[in-house]
Amino acid sequence: MIIQIDHNKSIDTDSFSSAERHVLQKIIGWQSLVDSLADFRQKTKSALAVGWNNSGPVRTTESLSLVIQQLEKELRIRLDTQ
């Protein structure tokens, strides 16, 4: 999956580990369900701590961090328009 970061950068999740992609799928799901940025950040923190199938923490790489920041921006926009 290619994720657009702002207007001039994109990240291909093929470069992510399996655990990172699994956590990212959880985070993307939560992004559409939460009612606040605080809830999203808590769900993200929990997903990263639990890891893939309770395998333990997933390290937040620079690319994953950029994707999470982009998802937060998109969430803010959704919340502001509701």
N, C-alpha and C. Protein backbone atom coordinates (compact mmCIF):
# COMPACT_ATOMS: atom_id res chain seq x y z
N MET A 1 0.85 -1.15 0.00
CA MET A 1 0.00 0.00 0.00
C MET A 1 0.91 1.23 0.00
N ILE A 2 0.54 2.20 -0.81
CA ILE A 2 1.27 3.47 -0.86
C ILE A 2 0.46 4.49 -0.06
N ILE A 3 1.10 5.13 0.90
CA ILE A 3 0.42 6.13 1.71
C ILE A 3 1.04 7.49 1.38
N GLN A 4 0.17 8.42 0.99
CA GLN A 4 0.61 9.76 0.63
C GLN A 4 0.82 10.57 1.91
N ILE A 5 2.00 11.11 2.05
CA ILE A 5 2.35 11.97 3.18
C ILE A 5 2.42 13.39 2.65
N ASP A 6 1.49 14.21 3.04
CA ASP A 6 1.37 15.57 2.52
C ASP A 6 1.33 15.52 1.00
N HIS A 7 1.95 16.50 0.35
CA HIS A 7 1.84 16.57 -1.11
C HIS A 7 3.07 16.05 -1.85
N ASN A 8 4.18 15.96 -1.16
CA ASN A 8 5.43 15.68 -1.87
C ASN A 8 6.13 14.39 -1.46
N LYS A 9 5.51 13.58 -0.63
CA LYS A 9 6.18 12.36 -0.19
C LYS A 9 5.15 11.25 -0.06
N SER A 10 5.58 10.04 -0.41
CA SER A 10 4.73 8.87 -0.21
C SER A 10 5.58 7.76 0.40
N ILE A 11 4.92 6.88 1.12
CA ILE A 11 5.60 5.76 1.76
C ILE A 11 4.94 4.47 1.30
N ASP A 12 5.75 3.55 0.85
CA ASP A 12 5.28 2.24 0.41
C ASP A 12 5.41 1.28 1.60
N THR A 13 4.30 0.73 2.03
CA THR A 13 4.33 -0.14 3.20
C THR A 13 4.96 -1.51 2.91
N ASP A 14 5.32 -1.77 1.66
CA ASP A 14 6.06 -3.00 1.35
C ASP A 14 7.39 -3.03 2.08
N SER A 15 7.90 -1.84 2.43
CA SER A 15 9.17 -1.76 3.14
C SER A 15 9.00 -2.01 4.64
N PHE A 16 7.76 -2.10 5.13
CA PHE A 16 7.49 -2.35 6.55
C PHE A 16 7.63 -3.84 6.84
N SER A 17 7.96 -4.13 8.08
CA SER A 17 7.96 -5.53 8.51
C SER A 17 6.51 -6.01 8.61
N SER A 18 6.32 -7.30 8.71
CA SER A 18 4.98 -7.86 8.86
C SER A 18 4.29 -7.30 10.10
N ALA A 19 5.03 -7.20 11.18
CA ALA A 19 4.47 -6.67 12.43
C ALA A 19 4.04 -5.21 12.25
N GLU A 20 4.86 -4.42 11.57
CA GLU A 20 4.50 -3.01 11.33
C GLU A 20 3.24 -2.91 10.48
N ARG A 21 3.14 -3.73 9.45
CA ARG A 21 1.94 -3.69 8.59
C ARG A 21 0.70 -4.11 9.38
N HIS A 22 0.83 -5.10 10.23
CA HIS A 22 -0.30 -5.55 11.04
C HIS A 22 -0.77 -4.43 11.97
N VAL A 23 0.16 -3.79 12.66
CA VAL A 23 -0.18 -2.69 13.56
C VAL A 23 -0.78 -1.54 12.76
N LEU A 24 -0.24 -1.26 11.60
CA LEU A 24 -0.77 -0.18 10.77
C LEU A 24 -2.22 -0.46 10.37
N GLN A 25 -2.53 -1.70 10.06
CA GLN A 25 -3.92 -2.04 9.73
C GLN A 25 -4.84 -1.76 10.91
N LYS A 26 -4.41 -2.10 12.12
CA LYS A 26 -5.20 -1.80 13.31
C LYS A 26 -5.39 -0.30 13.46
N ILE A 27 -4.30 0.45 13.29
CA ILE A 27 -4.35 1.90 13.46
C ILE A 27 -5.28 2.53 12.44
N ILE A 28 -5.21 2.09 11.21
CA ILE A 28 -6.10 2.63 10.17
C ILE A 28 -7.56 2.34 10.53
N GLY A 29 -7.83 1.17 11.03
CA GLY A 29 -9.18 0.85 11.46
C GLY A 29 -9.64 1.77 12.58
N TRP A 30 -8.80 1.95 13.58
CA TRP A 30 -9.16 2.82 14.70
C TRP A 30 -9.36 4.26 14.25
N GLN A 31 -8.60 4.69 13.25
CA GLN A 31 -8.72 6.07 12.79
C GLN A 31 -10.16 6.39 12.38
N SER A 32 -10.84 5.44 11.80
CA SER A 32 -12.20 5.70 11.34
C SER A 32 -13.24 5.53 12.45
N LEU A 33 -12.86 4.99 13.60
CA LEU A 33 -13.82 4.70 14.66
C LEU A 33 -13.75 5.63 15.87
N VAL A 34 -12.58 6.19 16.15
CA VAL A 34 -12.42 6.99 17.36
C VAL A 34 -13.10 8.35 17.24
N ASP A 35 -13.39 8.93 18.41
CA ASP A 35 -14.07 10.22 18.46
C ASP A 35 -13.17 11.36 18.89
N SER A 36 -11.89 11.06 19.11
CA SER A 36 -10.96 12.12 19.52
C SER A 36 -9.53 11.73 19.16
N LEU A 37 -8.69 12.75 19.08
CA LEU A 37 -7.28 12.51 18.81
C LEU A 37 -6.64 11.76 19.99
N ALA A 38 -7.08 12.08 21.20
CA ALA A 38 -6.55 11.39 22.38
C ALA A 38 -6.86 9.89 22.33
N ASP A 39 -8.07 9.54 21.93
CA ASP A 39 -8.43 8.12 21.80
C ASP A 39 -7.57 7.45 20.74
N PHE A 40 -7.36 8.13 19.61
CA PHE A 40 -6.54 7.58 18.54
C PHE A 40 -5.11 7.33 19.03
N ARG A 41 -4.56 8.30 19.74
CA ARG A 41 -3.19 8.15 20.23
C ARG A 41 -3.10 7.00 21.23
N GLN A 42 -4.11 6.83 22.06
CA GLN A 42 -4.11 5.72 23.02
C GLN A 42 -4.20 4.38 22.29
N LYS A 43 -5.06 4.29 21.30
CA LYS A 43 -5.19 3.04 20.52
C LYS A 43 -3.89 2.74 19.79
N THR A 44 -3.25 3.77 19.25
CA THR A 44 -1.97 3.60 18.55
C THR A 44 -0.91 3.09 19.51
N LYS A 45 -0.83 3.72 20.67
CA LYS A 45 0.16 3.32 21.69
C LYS A 45 -0.07 1.87 22.10
N SER A 46 -1.32 1.50 22.30
CA SER A 46 -1.65 0.13 22.70
C SER A 46 -1.29 -0.87 21.60
N ALA A 47 -1.63 -0.54 20.35
CA ALA A 47 -1.32 -1.44 19.23
C ALA A 47 0.18 -1.64 19.09
N LEU A 48 0.95 -0.58 19.26
CA LEU A 48 2.41 -0.69 19.16
C LEU A 48 2.97 -1.51 20.32
N ALA A 49 2.38 -1.38 21.50
CA ALA A 49 2.87 -2.12 22.68
C ALA A 49 2.56 -3.61 22.58
N VAL A 50 1.35 -3.93 22.10
CA VAL A 50 0.93 -5.33 22.02
C VAL A 50 1.61 -6.04 20.86
N GLY A 51 1.75 -5.34 19.75
CA GLY A 51 2.38 -5.93 18.58
C GLY A 51 1.46 -6.87 17.82
N TRP A 52 2.07 -7.68 17.02
CA TRP A 52 1.34 -8.59 16.15
C TRP A 52 1.03 -9.86 16.92
N ASN A 53 -0.23 -10.16 17.12
CA ASN A 53 -0.64 -11.39 17.81
C ASN A 53 -0.01 -11.48 19.20
N ASN A 54 0.02 -10.36 19.90
CA ASN A 54 0.61 -10.28 21.24
C ASN A 54 2.09 -10.67 21.26
N SER A 55 2.79 -10.39 20.16
CA SER A 55 4.20 -10.77 20.06
C SER A 55 5.14 -9.79 20.74
N GLY A 56 4.60 -8.71 21.25
CA GLY A 56 5.43 -7.73 21.93
C GLY A 56 5.55 -6.44 21.14
N PRO A 57 6.23 -5.48 21.72
CA PRO A 57 6.28 -4.14 21.14
C PRO A 57 6.82 -4.10 19.72
N VAL A 58 6.24 -3.18 18.95
CA VAL A 58 6.72 -2.90 17.60
C VAL A 58 7.44 -1.56 17.66
N ARG A 59 8.67 -1.56 17.20
CA ARG A 59 9.46 -0.34 17.20
C ARG A 59 8.90 0.63 16.17
N THR A 60 8.80 1.89 16.54
CA THR A 60 8.28 2.90 15.64
C THR A 60 9.42 3.44 14.79
N THR A 61 9.49 2.99 13.55
CA THR A 61 10.51 3.47 12.63
C THR A 61 10.14 4.87 12.14
N GLU A 62 11.04 5.53 11.48
CA GLU A 62 10.77 6.86 10.95
C GLU A 62 9.60 6.82 9.97
N SER A 63 9.57 5.83 9.10
CA SER A 63 8.48 5.73 8.13
C SER A 63 7.15 5.49 8.80
N LEU A 64 7.10 4.59 9.77
CA LEU A 64 5.86 4.32 10.49
C LEU A 64 5.41 5.56 11.25
N SER A 65 6.34 6.27 11.83
CA SER A 65 6.02 7.50 12.55
C SER A 65 5.41 8.54 11.61
N LEU A 66 5.96 8.68 10.41
CA LEU A 66 5.40 9.62 9.43
C LEU A 66 3.98 9.23 9.03
N VAL A 67 3.75 7.95 8.87
CA VAL A 67 2.41 7.47 8.51
C VAL A 67 1.43 7.77 9.65
N ILE A 68 1.84 7.51 10.87
CA ILE A 68 0.97 7.79 12.02
C ILE A 68 0.65 9.29 12.10
N GLN A 69 1.66 10.12 11.88
CA GLN A 69 1.43 11.57 11.89
C GLN A 69 0.43 11.96 10.81
N GLN A 70 0.53 11.36 9.63
CA GLN A 70 -0.40 11.65 8.54
C GLN A 70 -1.82 11.21 8.91
N LEU A 71 -1.93 10.05 9.51
CA LEU A 71 -3.24 9.57 9.94
C LEU A 71 -3.85 10.49 11.00
N GLU A 72 -3.01 11.03 11.87
CA GLU A 72 -3.50 12.00 12.86
C GLU A 72 -4.02 13.26 12.18
N LYS A 73 -3.30 13.74 11.16
CA LYS A 73 -3.76 14.93 10.42
C LYS A 73 -5.11 14.66 9.77
N GLU A 74 -5.24 13.51 9.16
CA GLU A 74 -6.51 13.15 8.51
C GLU A 74 -7.62 13.02 9.54
N LEU A 75 -7.31 12.49 10.70
CA LEU A 75 -8.31 12.37 11.76
C LEU A 75 -8.77 13.75 12.22
N ARG A 76 -7.81 14.66 12.41
CA ARG A 76 -8.18 16.02 12.81
C ARG A 76 -9.14 16.65 11.82
N ILE A 77 -8.88 16.46 10.54
CA ILE A 77 -9.75 17.00 9.51
C ILE A 77 -11.15 16.39 9.63
N ARG A 78 -11.22 15.07 9.80
CA ARG A 78 -12.53 14.40 9.94
C ARG A 78 -13.27 14.94 11.16
N LEU A 79 -12.57 15.06 12.28
CA LEU A 79 -13.22 15.53 13.50
C LEU A 79 -13.68 16.99 13.38
N ASP A 80 -12.89 17.80 12.69
CA ASP A 80 -13.24 19.22 12.52
C ASP A 80 -14.47 19.41 11.63
N THR A 81 -14.70 18.47 10.72
CA THR A 81 -15.83 18.61 9.80
C THR A 81 -17.10 17.96 10.32
N GLN A 82 -17.05 17.31 11.46
CA GLN A 82 -18.24 16.66 12.01
C GLN A 82 -19.03 17.63 12.85
